[in-house]
């Protein structure tokens, strides 16, 4: 049965529904242990004209593209800390639809801007398989086997990815901790230093941020940074 996202608040857990929504945010693929079994999951934020909500996609059951709209069928309603979210099931299917232009992404508070300086960074580099699953790489081998898709691939064919933790001090001296995904950092670094995040360790990245003021477009709900720009009108304290 089809519902708008705002109607999901009144739907009982474990009910199977369908929604038409636009993909607003895609998290990194990660492997989590569920009842002793490693499972791959990706967190999406999707929205329609009424509201936004988190969608957990398990075992690459669906692969969605950012800013694309879909009719998503066979997803299940769940709750955590009195907040509703959606999860894929073995019956989930997706169908691309015409773009939803009027979407309400206010619940994820996109567009909030934090102005301040970066005091600390932590970059986690890793490799992902062609199926978008994180892989632990052995530097002493030329091939790696993916436990998700069972492919054995050449190590140099694996894709580079990263997650960057940023500690930010704003101009009211409040401290913030956010996460920037691979694409966000690559876009920023290409503009300011003609680099990729895979080229940088923590010290090199902190040096790029040093003694400058930046504007961070963030989602407070997800604690994610969607863009970083140099603030030319202010100068941070050394």
C-alpha atoms as a PDB file:
ATOM      1  CA  UNK A   1       0.000   0.000   0.000  1.00  0.00           C
ATOM      2  CA  UNK A   2       1.327   3.449  -0.935  1.00  0.00           C
ATOM      3  CA  UNK A   3       1.794   6.134   1.742  1.00  0.00           C
ATOM      4  CA  UNK A   4       3.254   9.611   1.955  1.00  0.00           C
ATOM      5  CA  UNK A   5       6.217   9.845   4.305  1.00  0.00           C
ATOM      6  CA  UNK A   6       4.331  12.009   6.809  1.00  0.00           C
ATOM      7  CA  UNK A   7       1.700   9.248   7.133  1.00  0.00           C
ATOM      8  CA  UNK A   8       4.352   6.750   8.270  1.00  0.00           C
ATOM      9  CA  UNK A   9       4.247   8.227  11.793  1.00  0.00           C
ATOM     10  CA  UNK A  10       0.818   6.614  12.210  1.00  0.00           C
ATOM     11  CA  UNK A  11       1.724   3.226  10.727  1.00  0.00           C
ATOM     12  CA  UNK A  12       2.477   0.236  12.957  1.00  0.00           C
ATOM     13  CA  UNK A  13       5.955  -1.273  12.957  1.00  0.00           C
ATOM     14  CA  UNK A  14       6.645  -4.175  10.590  1.00  0.00           C
ATOM     15  CA  UNK A  15       3.916  -3.132   8.162  1.00  0.00           C
ATOM     16  CA  UNK A  16       4.990  -3.399   4.522  1.00  0.00           C
ATOM     17  CA  UNK A  17       4.457  -0.237   2.493  1.00  0.00           C
ATOM     18  CA  UNK A  18       5.561   1.602  -0.633  1.00  0.00           C
ATOM     19  CA  UNK A  19       6.606   5.230  -1.067  1.00  0.00           C
ATOM     20  CA  UNK A  20       7.532   7.582  -3.873  1.00  0.00           C
ATOM     21  CA  UNK A  21      10.517   9.642  -2.794  1.00  0.00           C
ATOM     22  CA  UNK A  22      13.676  11.452  -3.839  1.00  0.00           C
ATOM     23  CA  UNK A  23      17.113  10.414  -2.556  1.00  0.00           C
ATOM     24  CA  UNK A  24      18.591  13.310  -0.562  1.00  0.00           C
ATOM     25  CA  UNK A  25      21.620  11.687   1.051  1.00  0.00           C
ATOM     26  CA  UNK A  26      23.609   8.458   0.700  1.00  0.00           C
ATOM     27  CA  UNK A  27      25.792   7.161   3.518  1.00  0.00           C
ATOM     28  CA  UNK A  28      28.860   4.978   3.130  1.00  0.00           C
ATOM     29  CA  UNK A  29      28.472   1.222   2.837  1.00  0.00           C
ATOM     30  CA  UNK A  30      29.443  -0.572   6.044  1.00  0.00           C
ATOM     31  CA  UNK A  31      29.437  -4.093   7.431  1.00  0.00           C
ATOM     32  CA  UNK A  32      27.653  -4.616  10.756  1.00  0.00           C
ATOM     33  CA  UNK A  33      27.275  -7.740  12.873  1.00  0.00           C
ATOM     34  CA  UNK A  34      23.635  -8.840  13.201  1.00  0.00           C
ATOM     35  CA  UNK A  35      22.999 -11.919  15.355  1.00  0.00           C
ATOM     36  CA  UNK A  36      26.544 -13.092  14.685  1.00  0.00           C
ATOM     37  CA  UNK A  37      26.303 -12.632  10.926  1.00  0.00           C
ATOM     38  CA  UNK A  38      28.121  -9.843   9.017  1.00  0.00           C
ATOM     39  CA  UNK A  39      25.650  -7.853   6.899  1.00  0.00           C
ATOM     40  CA  UNK A  40      26.229  -4.916   4.572  1.00  0.00           C
ATOM     41  CA  UNK A  41      24.054  -1.837   5.007  1.00  0.00           C
ATOM     42  CA  UNK A  42      23.736   1.635   3.519  1.00  0.00           C
ATOM     43  CA  UNK A  43      21.757   4.469   5.134  1.00  0.00           C
ATOM     44  CA  UNK A  44      19.766   6.680   2.776  1.00  0.00           C
ATOM     45  CA  UNK A  45      17.731   9.788   3.508  1.00  0.00           C
ATOM     46  CA  UNK A  46      14.701   9.996   1.231  1.00  0.00           C
ATOM     47  CA  UNK A  47      12.012  12.683   1.037  1.00  0.00           C
ATOM     48  CA  UNK A  48       8.693  13.486  -0.602  1.00  0.00           C
ATOM     49  CA  UNK A  49       6.604  16.666  -0.486  1.00  0.00           C
ATOM     50  CA  UNK A  50       5.545  15.992   3.119  1.00  0.00           C
ATOM     51  CA  UNK A  51       8.643  14.890   5.052  1.00  0.00           C
ATOM     52  CA  UNK A  52      11.955  13.012   4.987  1.00  0.00           C
ATOM     53  CA  UNK A  53      12.933   9.692   6.567  1.00  0.00           C
ATOM     54  CA  UNK A  54      15.852   7.291   6.885  1.00  0.00           C
ATOM     55  CA  UNK A  55      15.891   4.163   4.728  1.00  0.00           C
ATOM     56  CA  UNK A  56      18.201   1.296   5.705  1.00  0.00           C
ATOM     57  CA  UNK A  57      19.167  -0.845   2.707  1.00  0.00           C
ATOM     58  CA  UNK A  58      20.539  -4.263   3.626  1.00  0.00           C
ATOM     59  CA  UNK A  59      22.821  -6.528   1.604  1.00  0.00           C
ATOM     60  CA  UNK A  60      22.725  -4.246  -1.436  1.00  0.00           C
ATOM     61  CA  UNK A  61      19.057  -5.119  -1.888  1.00  0.00           C
ATOM     62  CA  UNK A  62      18.567  -1.741  -3.542  1.00  0.00           C
ATOM     63  CA  UNK A  63      21.083   0.685  -5.007  1.00  0.00           C
ATOM     64  CA  UNK A  64      19.795   4.261  -5.196  1.00  0.00           C
ATOM     65  CA  UNK A  65      21.386   7.331  -6.775  1.00  0.00           C
ATOM     66  CA  UNK A  66      21.503  10.760  -5.129  1.00  0.00           C
ATOM     67  CA  UNK A  67      18.969  13.303  -6.423  1.00  0.00           C
ATOM     68  CA  UNK A  68      17.024  10.574  -8.259  1.00  0.00           C
ATOM     69  CA  UNK A  69      13.384   9.740  -7.531  1.00  0.00           C
ATOM     70  CA  UNK A  70      11.975   6.245  -7.103  1.00  0.00           C
ATOM     71  CA  UNK A  71       8.852   4.272  -6.377  1.00  0.00           C
ATOM     72  CA  UNK A  72      10.109   1.968  -3.602  1.00  0.00           C
ATOM     73  CA  UNK A  73       7.906  -1.033  -2.857  1.00  0.00           C
ATOM     74  CA  UNK A  74       8.028  -3.729  -0.190  1.00  0.00           C
ATOM     75  CA  UNK A  75       9.799  -1.763   2.541  1.00  0.00           C
ATOM     76  CA  UNK A  76       9.065  -2.231   6.228  1.00  0.00           C
ATOM     77  CA  UNK A  77       8.284   0.389   8.879  1.00  0.00           C
ATOM     78  CA  UNK A  78      10.411   0.267  12.055  1.00  0.00           C
ATOM     79  CA  UNK A  79      11.014   2.468  15.106  1.00  0.00           C
ATOM     80  CA  UNK A  80      14.022   3.372  17.207  1.00  0.00           C
ATOM     81  CA  UNK A  81      13.822   5.792  20.167  1.00  0.00           C
ATOM     82  CA  UNK A  82      10.274   6.678  19.088  1.00  0.00           C
ATOM     83  CA  UNK A  83      11.472   7.725  15.632  1.00  0.00           C
ATOM     84  CA  UNK A  84      10.197   5.959  12.531  1.00  0.00           C
ATOM     85  CA  UNK A  85      12.498   4.691   9.792  1.00  0.00           C
ATOM     86  CA  UNK A  86      12.239   2.298   6.846  1.00  0.00           C
ATOM     87  CA  UNK A  87      14.176  -0.858   6.047  1.00  0.00           C
ATOM     88  CA  UNK A  88      14.429  -3.047   2.980  1.00  0.00           C
ATOM     89  CA  UNK A  89      13.147  -6.631   2.953  1.00  0.00           C
ATOM     90  CA  UNK A  90      13.522  -9.574   0.595  1.00  0.00           C
ATOM     91  CA  UNK A  91      10.409  -8.265  -1.178  1.00  0.00           C
ATOM     92  CA  UNK A  92      11.780  -4.758  -1.806  1.00  0.00           C
ATOM     93  CA  UNK A  93      11.869  -3.456  -5.370  1.00  0.00           C
ATOM     94  CA  UNK A  94      12.632  -0.043  -6.863  1.00  0.00           C
ATOM     95  CA  UNK A  95      11.353   1.688  -9.977  1.00  0.00           C
ATOM     96  CA  UNK A  96      12.778   5.016 -11.245  1.00  0.00           C
ATOM     97  CA  UNK A  97      10.139   7.722 -11.663  1.00  0.00           C
ATOM     98  CA  UNK A  98      10.021  11.309 -12.864  1.00  0.00           C
ATOM     99  CA  UNK A  99      11.918  13.621 -10.527  1.00  0.00           C
ATOM    100  CA  UNK A 100      10.016  14.850  -7.480  1.00  0.00           C
ATOM    101  CA  UNK A 101      10.742  18.577  -7.480  1.00  0.00           C
ATOM    102  CA  UNK A 102       8.751  19.722  -4.432  1.00  0.00           C
ATOM    103  CA  UNK A 103      10.343  17.752  -1.587  1.00  0.00           C
ATOM    104  CA  UNK A 104      10.348  18.543   2.115  1.00  0.00           C
ATOM    105  CA  UNK A 105      13.832  17.788   3.438  1.00  0.00           C
ATOM    106  CA  UNK A 106      13.467  20.043   6.486  1.00  0.00           C
ATOM    107  CA  UNK A 107      13.542  17.143   8.941  1.00  0.00           C
ATOM    108  CA  UNK A 108      17.176  16.569   8.022  1.00  0.00           C
ATOM    109  CA  UNK A 109      17.873  20.317   8.386  1.00  0.00           C
ATOM    110  CA  UNK A 110      19.992  20.535   5.269  1.00  0.00           C
ATOM    111  CA  UNK A 111      21.329  24.007   4.635  1.00  0.00           C
ATOM    112  CA  UNK A 112      22.393  24.764   8.201  1.00  0.00           C
ATOM    113  CA  UNK A 113      25.714  26.599   8.007  1.00  0.00           C
ATOM    114  CA  UNK A 114      28.423  26.464  10.654  1.00  0.00           C
ATOM    115  CA  UNK A 115      31.207  29.054  10.305  1.00  0.00           C
ATOM    116  CA  UNK A 116      34.425  28.271  12.108  1.00  0.00           C
ATOM    117  CA  UNK A 117      37.842  26.663  12.084  1.00  0.00           C
ATOM    118  CA  UNK A 118      38.941  23.037  12.114  1.00  0.00           C
ATOM    119  CA  UNK A 119      40.853  22.003  15.237  1.00  0.00           C
ATOM    120  CA  UNK A 120      41.201  18.292  14.525  1.00  0.00           C
ATOM    121  CA  UNK A 121      40.708  15.694  11.809  1.00  0.00           C
ATOM    122  CA  UNK A 122      40.678  11.921  11.522  1.00  0.00           C
ATOM    123  CA  UNK A 123      40.606  10.300   8.088  1.00  0.00           C
ATOM    124  CA  UNK A 124      39.700   6.637   7.703  1.00  0.00           C
ATOM    125  CA  UNK A 125      40.842   5.309   4.326  1.00  0.00           C
ATOM    126  CA  UNK A 126      39.538   2.014   3.016  1.00  0.00           C
ATOM    127  CA  UNK A 127      38.851   0.062  -0.154  1.00  0.00           C
ATOM    128  CA  UNK A 128      35.495  -0.965  -1.548  1.00  0.00           C
ATOM    129  CA  UNK A 129      34.649  -3.794  -3.892  1.00  0.00           C
ATOM    130  CA  UNK A 130      32.913  -3.314  -7.231  1.00  0.00           C
ATOM    131  CA  UNK A 131      29.684  -4.248  -5.391  1.00  0.00           C
ATOM    132  CA  UNK A 132      30.208  -1.228  -3.049  1.00  0.00           C
ATOM    133  CA  UNK A 133      31.195  -3.324   0.004  1.00  0.00           C
ATOM    134  CA  UNK A 134      34.045  -2.313   2.292  1.00  0.00           C
ATOM    135  CA  UNK A 135      37.031  -4.706   2.147  1.00  0.00           C
ATOM    136  CA  UNK A 136      39.903  -5.218   4.550  1.00  0.00           C
ATOM    137  CA  UNK A 137      43.026  -5.165   2.370  1.00  0.00           C
ATOM    138  CA  UNK A 138      46.194  -7.167   2.952  1.00  0.00           C
ATOM    139  CA  UNK A 139      49.112  -5.154   1.555  1.00  0.00           C
ATOM    140  CA  UNK A 140      51.047  -8.371   0.953  1.00  0.00           C
ATOM    141  CA  UNK A 141      48.584  -9.829  -1.571  1.00  0.00           C
ATOM    142  CA  UNK A 142      47.730  -8.860  -5.145  1.00  0.00           C
ATOM    143  CA  UNK A 143      44.127 -10.102  -4.986  1.00  0.00           C
ATOM    144  CA  UNK A 144      41.298  -9.785  -2.475  1.00  0.00           C
ATOM    145  CA  UNK A 145      38.102 -11.796  -1.996  1.00  0.00           C
ATOM    146  CA  UNK A 146      34.852  -9.996  -1.185  1.00  0.00           C
ATOM    147  CA  UNK A 147      32.753 -11.812   1.415  1.00  0.00           C
ATOM    148  CA  UNK A 148      29.583 -10.176   0.092  1.00  0.00           C
ATOM    149  CA  UNK A 149      29.644 -10.920  -3.649  1.00  0.00           C
ATOM    150  CA  UNK A 150      32.295 -13.701  -3.456  1.00  0.00           C
ATOM    151  CA  UNK A 151      34.311 -12.092  -6.246  1.00  0.00           C
ATOM    152  CA  UNK A 152      38.076 -12.353  -6.174  1.00  0.00           C
ATOM    153  CA  UNK A 153      39.450  -9.152  -7.668  1.00  0.00           C
ATOM    154  CA  UNK A 154      42.852  -7.609  -8.228  1.00  0.00           C
ATOM    155  CA  UNK A 155      43.729  -5.339  -5.307  1.00  0.00           C
ATOM    156  CA  UNK A 156      44.547  -2.477  -7.662  1.00  0.00           C
ATOM    157  CA  UNK A 157      41.001  -2.700  -9.093  1.00  0.00           C
ATOM    158  CA  UNK A 158      39.398  -1.910  -5.735  1.00  0.00           C
ATOM    159  CA  UNK A 159      37.977   1.581  -5.315  1.00  0.00           C
ATOM    160  CA  UNK A 160      39.350   4.108  -2.832  1.00  0.00           C
ATOM    161  CA  UNK A 161      36.977   5.653  -0.314  1.00  0.00           C
ATOM    162  CA  UNK A 162      37.149   7.431   3.014  1.00  0.00           C
ATOM    163  CA  UNK A 163      35.287   8.978   5.920  1.00  0.00           C
ATOM    164  CA  UNK A 164      36.648  12.135   7.564  1.00  0.00           C
ATOM    165  CA  UNK A 165      35.821  13.212  11.121  1.00  0.00           C
ATOM    166  CA  UNK A 166      36.070  16.971  11.678  1.00  0.00           C
ATOM    167  CA  UNK A 167      36.272  18.822  15.003  1.00  0.00           C
ATOM    168  CA  UNK A 168      35.060  22.382  14.390  1.00  0.00           C
ATOM    169  CA  UNK A 169      35.148  25.424  16.670  1.00  0.00           C
ATOM    170  CA  UNK A 170      32.589  28.073  15.701  1.00  0.00           C
ATOM    171  CA  UNK A 171      32.745  31.803  16.499  1.00  0.00           C
ATOM    172  CA  UNK A 172      30.779  31.397  19.703  1.00  0.00           C
ATOM    173  CA  UNK A 173      33.538  28.975  20.809  1.00  0.00           C
ATOM    174  CA  UNK A 174      31.192  25.985  20.653  1.00  0.00           C
ATOM    175  CA  UNK A 175      32.707  22.695  19.555  1.00  0.00           C
ATOM    176  CA  UNK A 176      31.076  20.518  16.890  1.00  0.00           C
ATOM    177  CA  UNK A 177      31.864  17.053  15.561  1.00  0.00           C
ATOM    178  CA  UNK A 178      30.750  16.187  12.042  1.00  0.00           C
ATOM    179  CA  UNK A 179      31.500  13.565   9.424  1.00  0.00           C
ATOM    180  CA  UNK A 180      32.347  14.330   5.799  1.00  0.00           C
ATOM    181  CA  UNK A 181      32.023  11.568   3.230  1.00  0.00           C
ATOM    182  CA  UNK A 182      34.445  10.885   0.410  1.00  0.00           C
ATOM    183  CA  UNK A 183      32.724  12.980  -2.282  1.00  0.00           C
ATOM    184  CA  UNK A 184      32.393  16.026  -0.018  1.00  0.00           C
ATOM    185  CA  UNK A 185      36.084  16.015   0.874  1.00  0.00           C
ATOM    186  CA  UNK A 186      37.203  15.392  -2.712  1.00  0.00           C
ATOM    187  CA  UNK A 187      35.145  18.329  -3.985  1.00  0.00           C
ATOM    188  CA  UNK A 188      36.586  20.645  -1.320  1.00  0.00           C
ATOM    189  CA  UNK A 189      40.202  19.502  -1.688  1.00  0.00           C
ATOM    190  CA  UNK A 190      40.136  19.701  -5.470  1.00  0.00           C
ATOM    191  CA  UNK A 191      39.116  23.367  -5.242  1.00  0.00           C
ATOM    192  CA  UNK A 192      41.566  24.509  -2.562  1.00  0.00           C
ATOM    193  CA  UNK A 193      44.591  22.251  -3.085  1.00  0.00           C
ATOM    194  CA  UNK A 194      44.066  20.271  -6.314  1.00  0.00           C
ATOM    195  CA  UNK A 195      44.186  17.093  -4.237  1.00  0.00           C
ATOM    196  CA  UNK A 196      42.032  14.088  -3.420  1.00  0.00           C
ATOM    197  CA  UNK A 197      41.347  12.933   0.115  1.00  0.00           C
ATOM    198  CA  UNK A 198      43.131   9.676  -0.742  1.00  0.00           C
ATOM    199  CA  UNK A 199      46.309  11.757  -1.198  1.00  0.00           C
ATOM    200  CA  UNK A 200      46.182  13.090   2.365  1.00  0.00           C
ATOM    201  CA  UNK A 201      46.918  11.752   5.818  1.00  0.00           C
ATOM    202  CA  UNK A 202      45.644  13.471   8.974  1.00  0.00           C
ATOM    203  CA  UNK A 203      48.591  15.885   9.251  1.00  0.00           C
ATOM    204  CA  UNK A 204      48.433  16.943   5.600  1.00  0.00           C
ATOM    205  CA  UNK A 205      44.703  17.515   5.804  1.00  0.00           C
ATOM    206  CA  UNK A 206      44.976  19.526   9.021  1.00  0.00           C
ATOM    207  CA  UNK A 207      47.636  21.695   7.390  1.00  0.00           C
ATOM    208  CA  UNK A 208      45.182  22.549   4.585  1.00  0.00           C
ATOM    209  CA  UNK A 209      42.598  23.601   7.181  1.00  0.00           C
ATOM    210  CA  UNK A 210      45.104  25.472   9.380  1.00  0.00           C
ATOM    211  CA  UNK A 211      44.539  29.137  10.262  1.00  0.00           C
ATOM    212  CA  UNK A 212      41.582  29.565   7.917  1.00  0.00           C
ATOM    213  CA  UNK A 213      37.870  30.061   8.407  1.00  0.00           C
ATOM    214  CA  UNK A 214      35.348  27.877   6.579  1.00  0.00           C
ATOM    215  CA  UNK A 215      31.635  27.599   6.011  1.00  0.00           C
ATOM    216  CA  UNK A 216      30.318  24.067   6.569  1.00  0.00           C
ATOM    217  CA  UNK A 217      26.883  23.215   5.213  1.00  0.00           C
ATOM    218  CA  UNK A 218      25.648  20.522   7.568  1.00  0.00           C
ATOM    219  CA  UNK A 219      22.784  18.313   8.618  1.00  0.00           C
ATOM    220  CA  UNK A 220      22.499  18.512  12.386  1.00  0.00           C
ATOM    221  CA  UNK A 221      20.260  15.453  12.447  1.00  0.00           C
ATOM    222  CA  UNK A 222      22.742  13.240  10.599  1.00  0.00           C
ATOM    223  CA  UNK A 223      25.869  15.128  11.768  1.00  0.00           C
ATOM    224  CA  UNK A 224      27.078  15.153   8.172  1.00  0.00           C
ATOM    225  CA  UNK A 225      28.849  17.854   6.187  1.00  0.00           C
ATOM    226  CA  UNK A 226      27.534  18.262   2.642  1.00  0.00           C
ATOM    227  CA  UNK A 227      29.861  21.062   1.495  1.00  0.00           C
ATOM    228  CA  UNK A 228      32.883  23.074   2.665  1.00  0.00           C
ATOM    229  CA  UNK A 229      33.864  26.521   1.388  1.00  0.00           C
ATOM    230  CA  UNK A 230      36.495  29.036   2.444  1.00  0.00           C
ATOM    231  CA  UNK A 231      35.023  32.023   4.276  1.00  0.00           C
ATOM    232  CA  UNK A 232      36.882  35.011   2.871  1.00  0.00           C
ATOM    233  CA  UNK A 233      35.173  37.582   5.098  1.00  0.00           C
ATOM    234  CA  UNK A 234      36.515  36.249   8.395  1.00  0.00           C
ATOM    235  CA  UNK A 235      39.807  34.941   9.713  1.00  0.00           C
ATOM    236  CA  UNK A 236      40.054  32.278  12.429  1.00  0.00           C
ATOM    237  CA  UNK A 237      42.248  32.550  15.491  1.00  0.00           C
ATOM    238  CA  UNK A 238      45.637  30.897  15.269  1.00  0.00           C
END
